PDB file of N, CA and C in Angstrom:
ATOM      1  N   MET A   1      -6.585  -9.695  32.967  1.00  0.00           N
ATOM      2  CA  MET A   1      -6.474  -9.688  31.509  1.00  0.00           C
ATOM      3  C   MET A   1      -5.295  -8.818  31.086  1.00  0.00           C
ATOM      4  N   GLU A   2      -4.604  -9.259  30.108  1.00  0.00           N
ATOM      5  CA  GLU A   2      -3.411  -8.580  29.612  1.00  0.00           C
ATOM      6  C   GLU A   2      -3.775  -7.423  28.679  1.00  0.00           C
ATOM      7  N   ASN A   3      -3.097  -6.296  28.830  1.00  0.00           N
ATOM      8  CA  ASN A   3      -3.273  -5.180  27.907  1.00  0.00           C
ATOM      9  C   ASN A   3      -2.309  -5.348  26.746  1.00  0.00           C
ATOM     10  N   LYS A   4      -2.822  -5.440  25.553  1.00  0.00           N
ATOM     11  CA  LYS A   4      -1.962  -5.593  24.381  1.00  0.00           C
ATOM     12  C   LYS A   4      -1.953  -4.296  23.589  1.00  0.00           C
ATOM     13  N   GLN A   5      -0.782  -3.878  23.220  1.00  0.00           N
ATOM     14  CA  GLN A   5      -0.631  -2.696  22.373  1.00  0.00           C
ATOM     15  C   GLN A   5      -0.662  -3.144  20.921  1.00  0.00           C
ATOM     16  N   PHE A   6      -1.438  -2.463  20.127  1.00  0.00           N
ATOM     17  CA  PHE A   6      -1.506  -2.783  18.709  1.00  0.00           C
ATOM     18  C   PHE A   6      -0.646  -1.797  17.938  1.00  0.00           C
ATOM     19  N   ASP A   7       0.203  -2.340  17.104  1.00  0.00           N
ATOM     20  CA  ASP A   7       1.052  -1.496  16.274  1.00  0.00           C
ATOM     21  C   ASP A   7       0.489  -1.503  14.856  1.00  0.00           C
ATOM     22  N   LEU A   8      -0.740  -1.042  14.731  1.00  0.00           N
ATOM     23  CA  LEU A   8      -1.408  -1.002  13.440  1.00  0.00           C
ATOM     24  C   LEU A   8      -1.325   0.412  12.899  1.00  0.00           C
ATOM     25  N   ARG A   9      -0.701   0.538  11.749  1.00  0.00           N
ATOM     26  CA  ARG A   9      -0.593   1.843  11.112  1.00  0.00           C
ATOM     27  C   ARG A   9      -1.331   1.763   9.783  1.00  0.00           C
ATOM     28  N   LEU A  10      -2.126   2.781   9.516  1.00  0.00           N
ATOM     29  CA  LEU A  10      -2.877   2.843   8.266  1.00  0.00           C
ATOM     30  C   LEU A  10      -2.377   4.013   7.439  1.00  0.00           C
ATOM     31  N   TYR A  11      -2.292   3.787   6.143  1.00  0.00           N
ATOM     32  CA  TYR A  11      -1.841   4.835   5.229  1.00  0.00           C
ATOM     33  C   TYR A  11      -2.945   5.190   4.256  1.00  0.00           C
ATOM     34  N   ARG A  12      -3.113   6.478   4.028  1.00  0.00           N
ATOM     35  CA  ARG A  12      -4.075   6.959   3.045  1.00  0.00           C
ATOM     36  C   ARG A  12      -3.417   6.962   1.664  1.00  0.00           C
ATOM     37  N   LEU A  13      -4.217   7.188   0.635  1.00  0.00           N
ATOM     38  CA  LEU A  13      -3.756   7.064  -0.747  1.00  0.00           C
ATOM     39  C   LEU A  13      -2.510   7.892  -1.078  1.00  0.00           C
ATOM     40  N   PRO A  14      -2.416   9.163  -0.697  1.00  0.00           N
ATOM     41  CA  PRO A  14      -1.187   9.906  -1.044  1.00  0.00           C
ATOM     42  C   PRO A  14       0.086   9.264  -0.494  1.00  0.00           C
ATOM     43  N   ASP A  15      -0.004   8.706   0.707  1.00  0.00           N
ATOM     44  CA  ASP A  15       1.165   8.021   1.292  1.00  0.00           C
ATOM     45  C   ASP A  15       1.503   6.761   0.506  1.00  0.00           C
ATOM     46  N   VAL A  16       0.465   5.986   0.151  1.00  0.00           N
ATOM     47  CA  VAL A  16       0.677   4.753  -0.604  1.00  0.00           C
ATOM     48  C   VAL A  16       1.301   5.065  -1.958  1.00  0.00           C
ATOM     49  N   CYS A  17       0.830   6.117  -2.592  1.00  0.00           N
ATOM     50  CA  CYS A  17       1.427   6.539  -3.870  1.00  0.00           C
ATOM     51  C   CYS A  17       2.892   6.900  -3.687  1.00  0.00           C
ATOM     52  N   GLY A  18       3.198   7.601  -2.626  1.00  0.00           N
ATOM     53  CA  GLY A  18       4.580   7.986  -2.352  1.00  0.00           C
ATOM     54  C   GLY A  18       5.482   6.793  -2.093  1.00  0.00           C
ATOM     55  N   PHE A  19       4.983   5.812  -1.338  1.00  0.00           N
ATOM     56  CA  PHE A  19       5.779   4.632  -1.028  1.00  0.00           C
ATOM     57  C   PHE A  19       6.017   3.757  -2.243  1.00  0.00           C
ATOM     58  N   THR A  20       5.010   3.652  -3.102  1.00  0.00           N
ATOM     59  CA  THR A  20       5.072   2.701  -4.208  1.00  0.00           C
ATOM     60  C   THR A  20       5.518   3.310  -5.527  1.00  0.00           C
ATOM     61  N   GLY A  21       5.351   4.618  -5.674  1.00  0.00           N
ATOM     62  CA  GLY A  21       5.654   5.256  -6.950  1.00  0.00           C
ATOM     63  C   GLY A  21       4.552   5.065  -7.973  1.00  0.00           C
ATOM     64  N   LEU A  22       3.414   4.555  -7.539  1.00  0.00           N
ATOM     65  CA  LEU A  22       2.290   4.326  -8.442  1.00  0.00           C
ATOM     66  C   LEU A  22       1.282   5.455  -8.334  1.00  0.00           C
ATOM     67  N   ARG A  23       0.556   5.664  -9.397  1.00  0.00           N
ATOM     68  CA  ARG A  23      -0.518   6.649  -9.385  1.00  0.00           C
ATOM     69  C   ARG A  23      -1.813   5.981  -8.957  1.00  0.00           C
ATOM     70  N   LYS A  24      -2.777   6.807  -8.597  1.00  0.00           N
ATOM     71  CA  LYS A  24      -4.071   6.324  -8.111  1.00  0.00           C
ATOM     72  C   LYS A  24      -4.710   5.329  -9.073  1.00  0.00           C
ATOM     73  N   SER A  25      -4.720   5.655 -10.351  1.00  0.00           N
ATOM     74  CA  SER A  25      -5.370   4.776 -11.332  1.00  0.00           C
ATOM     75  C   SER A  25      -4.671   3.422 -11.420  1.00  0.00           C
ATOM     76  N   SER A  26      -3.355   3.409 -11.317  1.00  0.00           N
ATOM     77  CA  SER A  26      -2.611   2.149 -11.347  1.00  0.00           C
ATOM     78  C   SER A  26      -2.893   1.311 -10.113  1.00  0.00           C
ATOM     79  N   ILE A  27      -2.948   1.959  -8.967  1.00  0.00           N
ATOM     80  CA  ILE A  27      -3.229   1.240  -7.725  1.00  0.00           C
ATOM     81  C   ILE A  27      -4.589   0.567  -7.799  1.00  0.00           C
ATOM     82  N   TYR A  28      -5.610   1.310  -8.219  1.00  0.00           N
ATOM     83  CA  TYR A  28      -6.954   0.727  -8.270  1.00  0.00           C
ATOM     84  C   TYR A  28      -7.084  -0.327  -9.359  1.00  0.00           C
ATOM     85  N   ALA A  29      -6.373  -0.179 -10.461  1.00  0.00           N
ATOM     86  CA  ALA A  29      -6.380  -1.223 -11.498  1.00  0.00           C
ATOM     87  C   ALA A  29      -5.718  -2.497 -10.970  1.00  0.00           C
ATOM     88  N   MET A  30      -4.634  -2.343 -10.229  1.00  0.00           N
ATOM     89  CA  MET A  30      -3.937  -3.504  -9.676  1.00  0.00           C
ATOM     90  C   MET A  30      -4.750  -4.171  -8.564  1.00  0.00           C
ATOM     91  N   ILE A  31      -5.503  -3.394  -7.805  1.00  0.00           N
ATOM     92  CA  ILE A  31      -6.397  -3.970  -6.801  1.00  0.00           C
ATOM     93  C   ILE A  31      -7.442  -4.830  -7.507  1.00  0.00           C
ATOM     94  N   LYS A  32      -7.977  -4.301  -8.584  1.00  0.00           N
ATOM     95  CA  LYS A  32      -9.017  -5.018  -9.335  1.00  0.00           C
ATOM     96  C   LYS A  32      -8.511  -6.350  -9.873  1.00  0.00           C
ATOM     97  N   ASP A  33      -7.259  -6.380 -10.348  1.00  0.00           N
ATOM     98  CA  ASP A  33      -6.735  -7.642 -10.891  1.00  0.00           C
ATOM     99  C   ASP A  33      -6.024  -8.507  -9.841  1.00  0.00           C
ATOM    100  N   GLY A  34      -6.044  -8.054  -8.584  1.00  0.00           N
ATOM    101  CA  GLY A  34      -5.515  -8.875  -7.495  1.00  0.00           C
ATOM    102  C   GLY A  34      -4.021  -8.788  -7.271  1.00  0.00           C
ATOM    103  N   SER A  35      -3.348  -7.847  -7.905  1.00  0.00           N
ATOM    104  CA  SER A  35      -1.902  -7.756  -7.755  1.00  0.00           C
ATOM    105  C   SER A  35      -1.451  -6.662  -6.780  1.00  0.00           C
ATOM    106  N   PHE A  36      -2.392  -6.051  -6.080  1.00  0.00           N
ATOM    107  CA  PHE A  36      -2.073  -5.032  -5.082  1.00  0.00           C
ATOM    108  C   PHE A  36      -3.044  -5.219  -3.925  1.00  0.00           C
ATOM    109  N   PRO A  37      -2.589  -5.007  -2.684  1.00  0.00           N
ATOM    110  CA  PRO A  37      -3.481  -5.219  -1.540  1.00  0.00           C
ATOM    111  C   PRO A  37      -4.675  -4.263  -1.549  1.00  0.00           C
ATOM    112  N   ALA A  38      -5.816  -4.796  -1.184  1.00  0.00           N
ATOM    113  CA  ALA A  38      -7.027  -3.984  -1.097  1.00  0.00           C
ATOM    114  C   ALA A  38      -6.983  -3.126   0.168  1.00  0.00           C
ATOM    115  N   PRO A  39      -7.590  -1.962   0.119  1.00  0.00           N
ATOM    116  CA  PRO A  39      -7.643  -1.117   1.312  1.00  0.00           C
ATOM    117  C   PRO A  39      -8.711  -1.613   2.287  1.00  0.00           C
ATOM    118  N   VAL A  40      -8.671  -1.067   3.485  1.00  0.00           N
ATOM    119  CA  VAL A  40      -9.725  -1.318   4.464  1.00  0.00           C
ATOM    120  C   VAL A  40     -10.560  -0.043   4.594  1.00  0.00           C
ATOM    121  N   ARG A  41     -11.835  -0.225   4.812  1.00  0.00           N
ATOM    122  CA  ARG A  41     -12.727   0.927   4.962  1.00  0.00           C
ATOM    123  C   ARG A  41     -12.561   1.491   6.365  1.00  0.00           C
ATOM    124  N   ILE A  42     -12.312   2.793   6.466  1.00  0.00           N
ATOM    125  CA  ILE A  42     -12.149   3.434   7.769  1.00  0.00           C
ATOM    126  C   ILE A  42     -13.253   4.443   8.041  1.00  0.00           C
ATOM    127  N   GLY A  43     -14.132   4.603   7.088  1.00  0.00           N
ATOM    128  CA  GLY A  43     -15.255   5.524   7.218  1.00  0.00           C
ATOM    129  C   GLY A  43     -16.209   5.283   6.068  1.00  0.00           C
ATOM    130  N   ARG A  44     -17.279   6.032   6.048  1.00  0.00           N
ATOM    131  CA  ARG A  44     -18.257   5.843   4.979  1.00  0.00           C
ATOM    132  C   ARG A  44     -17.662   6.079   3.595  1.00  0.00           C
ATOM    133  N   ARG A  45     -16.805   7.079   3.506  1.00  0.00           N
ATOM    134  CA  ARG A  45     -16.195   7.411   2.214  1.00  0.00           C
ATOM    135  C   ARG A  45     -14.678   7.464   2.288  1.00  0.00           C
ATOM    136  N   ALA A  46     -14.104   6.692   3.192  1.00  0.00           N
ATOM    137  CA  ALA A  46     -12.649   6.750   3.377  1.00  0.00           C
ATOM    138  C   ALA A  46     -12.074   5.342   3.486  1.00  0.00           C
ATOM    139  N   VAL A  47     -10.929   5.157   2.828  1.00  0.00           N
ATOM    140  CA  VAL A  47     -10.212   3.889   2.913  1.00  0.00           C
ATOM    141  C   VAL A  47      -8.754   4.163   3.245  1.00  0.00           C
ATOM    142  N   ALA A  48      -8.088   3.127   3.726  1.00  0.00           N
ATOM    143  CA  ALA A  48      -6.661   3.224   4.022  1.00  0.00           C
ATOM    144  C   ALA A  48      -6.062   1.835   3.855  1.00  0.00           C
ATOM    145  N   TRP A  49      -4.759   1.794   3.744  1.00  0.00           N
ATOM    146  CA  TRP A  49      -4.047   0.525   3.574  1.00  0.00           C
ATOM    147  C   TRP A  49      -3.274   0.233   4.840  1.00  0.00           C
ATOM    148  N   ARG A  50      -3.213  -1.054   5.202  1.00  0.00           N
ATOM    149  CA  ARG A  50      -2.425  -1.479   6.356  1.00  0.00           C
ATOM    150  C   ARG A  50      -0.940  -1.398   6.013  1.00  0.00           C
ATOM    151  N   GLN A  51      -0.157  -0.907   6.943  1.00  0.00           N
ATOM    152  CA  GLN A  51       1.284  -0.788   6.756  1.00  0.00           C
ATOM    153  C   GLN A  51       1.889  -2.136   6.377  1.00  0.00           C
ATOM    154  N   GLU A  52       1.472  -3.190   7.068  1.00  0.00           N
ATOM    155  CA  GLU A  52       2.049  -4.511   6.811  1.00  0.00           C
ATOM    156  C   GLU A  52       1.739  -4.996   5.398  1.00  0.00           C
ATOM    157  N   ASP A  53       0.547  -4.701   4.878  1.00  0.00           N
ATOM    158  CA  ASP A  53       0.198  -5.120   3.517  1.00  0.00           C
ATOM    159  C   ASP A  53       1.055  -4.401   2.475  1.00  0.00           C
ATOM    160  N   ILE A  54       1.235  -3.103   2.664  1.00  0.00           N
ATOM    161  CA  ILE A  54       2.055  -2.326   1.727  1.00  0.00           C
ATOM    162  C   ILE A  54       3.513  -2.772   1.829  1.00  0.00           C
ATOM    163  N   GLY A  55       3.988  -2.986   3.043  1.00  0.00           N
ATOM    164  CA  GLY A  55       5.367  -3.443   3.233  1.00  0.00           C
ATOM    165  C   GLY A  55       5.629  -4.781   2.562  1.00  0.00           C
ATOM    166  N   ARG A  56       4.693  -5.715   2.703  1.00  0.00           N
ATOM    167  CA  ARG A  56       4.854  -7.026   2.046  1.00  0.00           C
ATOM    168  C   ARG A  56       4.848  -6.880   0.531  1.00  0.00           C
ATOM    169  N   TRP A  57       3.980  -6.012   0.009  1.00  0.00           N
ATOM    170  CA  TRP A  57       3.916  -5.809  -1.443  1.00  0.00           C
ATOM    171  C   TRP A  57       5.244  -5.231  -1.944  1.00  0.00           C
ATOM    172  N   ILE A  58       5.768  -4.246  -1.247  1.00  0.00           N
ATOM    173  CA  ILE A  58       7.048  -3.639  -1.639  1.00  0.00           C
ATOM    174  C   ILE A  58       8.171  -4.664  -1.558  1.00  0.00           C
ATOM    175  N   ASP A  59       8.213  -5.447  -0.485  1.00  0.00           N
ATOM    176  CA  ASP A  59       9.254  -6.474  -0.340  1.00  0.00           C
ATOM    177  C   ASP A  59       9.174  -7.500  -1.473  1.00  0.00           C
ATOM    178  N   ALA A  60       7.964  -7.892  -1.841  1.00  0.00           N
ATOM    179  CA  ALA A  60       7.793  -8.854  -2.937  1.00  0.00           C
ATOM    180  C   ALA A  60       8.288  -8.263  -4.257  1.00  0.00           C
ATOM    181  N   ARG A  61       8.027  -6.994  -4.478  1.00  0.00           N
ATOM    182  CA  ARG A  61       8.494  -6.333  -5.698  1.00  0.00           C
ATOM    183  C   ARG A  61      10.016  -6.244  -5.721  1.00  0.00           C
ATOM    184  N   LYS A  62      10.611  -5.941  -4.576  1.00  0.00           N
ATOM    185  CA  LYS A  62      12.076  -5.849  -4.497  1.00  0.00           C
ATOM    186  C   LYS A  62      12.722  -7.182  -4.838  1.00  0.00           C
ATOM    187  N   SER A  63      12.127  -8.265  -4.346  1.00  0.00           N
ATOM    188  CA  SER A  63      12.733  -9.578  -4.580  1.00  0.00           C
ATOM    189  C   SER A  63      12.560 -10.024  -6.031  1.00  0.00           C
ATOM    190  N   THR A  64      11.493  -9.585  -6.704  1.00  0.00           N
ATOM    191  CA  THR A  64      11.293  -9.985  -8.095  1.00  0.00           C
ATOM    192  C   THR A  64      11.966  -9.035  -9.082  1.00  0.00           C
ATOM    193  N   GLU A  65      12.276  -7.843  -8.619  1.00  0.00           N
ATOM    194  CA  GLU A  65      12.887  -6.853  -9.509  1.00  0.00           C
ATOM    195  C   GLU A  65      14.250  -6.416  -9.004  1.00  0.00           C
ATOM    196  N   ALA A  66      14.994  -7.315  -8.413  1.00  0.00           N
ATOM    197  CA  ALA A  66      16.314  -6.975  -7.885  1.00  0.00           C
ATOM    198  C   ALA A  66      17.186  -6.390  -8.989  1.00  0.00           C
ATOM    199  N   GLY A  67      17.800  -5.260  -8.674  1.00  0.00           N
ATOM    200  CA  GLY A  67      18.685  -4.627  -9.630  1.00  0.00           C
ATOM    201  C   GLY A  67      17.992  -3.653 -10.569  1.00  0.00           C
ATOM    202  N   SER A  68      16.656  -3.540 -10.485  1.00  0.00           N
ATOM    203  CA  SER A  68      15.969  -2.600 -11.372  1.00  0.00           C
ATOM    204  C   SER A  68      15.998  -1.203 -10.769  1.00  0.00           C
ATOM    205  N   HIS A  69      15.487  -0.243 -11.493  1.00  0.00           N
ATOM    206  CA  HIS A  69      15.500   1.140 -11.027  1.00  0.00           C
ATOM    207  C   HIS A  69      14.580   1.329  -9.831  1.00  0.00           C
ATOM    208  N   ALA A  70      14.818   2.378  -9.069  1.00  0.00           N
ATOM    209  CA  ALA A  70      14.042   2.657  -7.866  1.00  0.00           C
ATOM    210  C   ALA A  70      12.642   3.143  -8.241  1.00  0.00           C
ATOM    211  N   LEU A  71      11.694   2.866  -7.358  1.00  0.00           N
ATOM    212  CA  LEU A  71      10.330   3.332  -7.559  1.00  0.00           C
ATOM    213  C   LEU A  71      10.276   4.834  -7.269  1.00  0.00           C
ATOM    214  N   ALA A  72       9.591   5.577  -8.118  1.00  0.00           N
ATOM    215  CA  ALA A  72       9.438   7.021  -7.896  1.00  0.00           C
ATOM    216  C   ALA A  72       8.142   7.469  -8.536  1.00  0.00           C
ATOM    217  N   GLY A  73       7.573   8.543  -8.007  1.00  0.00           N
ATOM    218  CA  GLY A  73       6.337   9.089  -8.568  1.00  0.00           C
ATOM    219  C   GLY A  73       5.449   9.634  -7.494  1.00  0.00           C
ATOM    220  N   ALA A  74       4.268  10.073  -7.914  1.00  0.00           N
ATOM    221  CA  ALA A  74       3.323  10.638  -6.975  1.00  0.00           C
ATOM    222  C   ALA A  74       1.906  10.438  -7.468  1.00  0.00           C
ATOM    223  N   CYS A  75       0.967  10.545  -6.553  1.00  0.00           N
ATOM    224  CA  CYS A  75      -0.445  10.430  -6.926  1.00  0.00           C
ATOM    225  C   CYS A  75      -0.891  11.663  -7.678  1.00  0.00           C
ATOM    226  N   LYS A  76      -1.724  11.459  -8.645  1.00  0.00           N
ATOM    227  CA  LYS A  76      -2.336  12.580  -9.367  1.00  0.00           C
ATOM    228  C   LYS A  76      -3.714  12.193  -9.771  1.00  0.00           C
TER     229      LYS A  76
END
């Protein structure tokens, strides 16, 4: 049997806020309306986002907002 290496990286909320420039409330509102990837549960009270999901979301935003200002901000 072949050994496969998984390149799965998970990001917690502060990292996602840093990458996207969105605040916690905006992220959860966008998850609710389906415009932001949902997190995966990693514990009873812990969630994280897949790197690939966040990367695709950022790439989609770049292509629809070409030429706009850069994303900036932090979770609060």
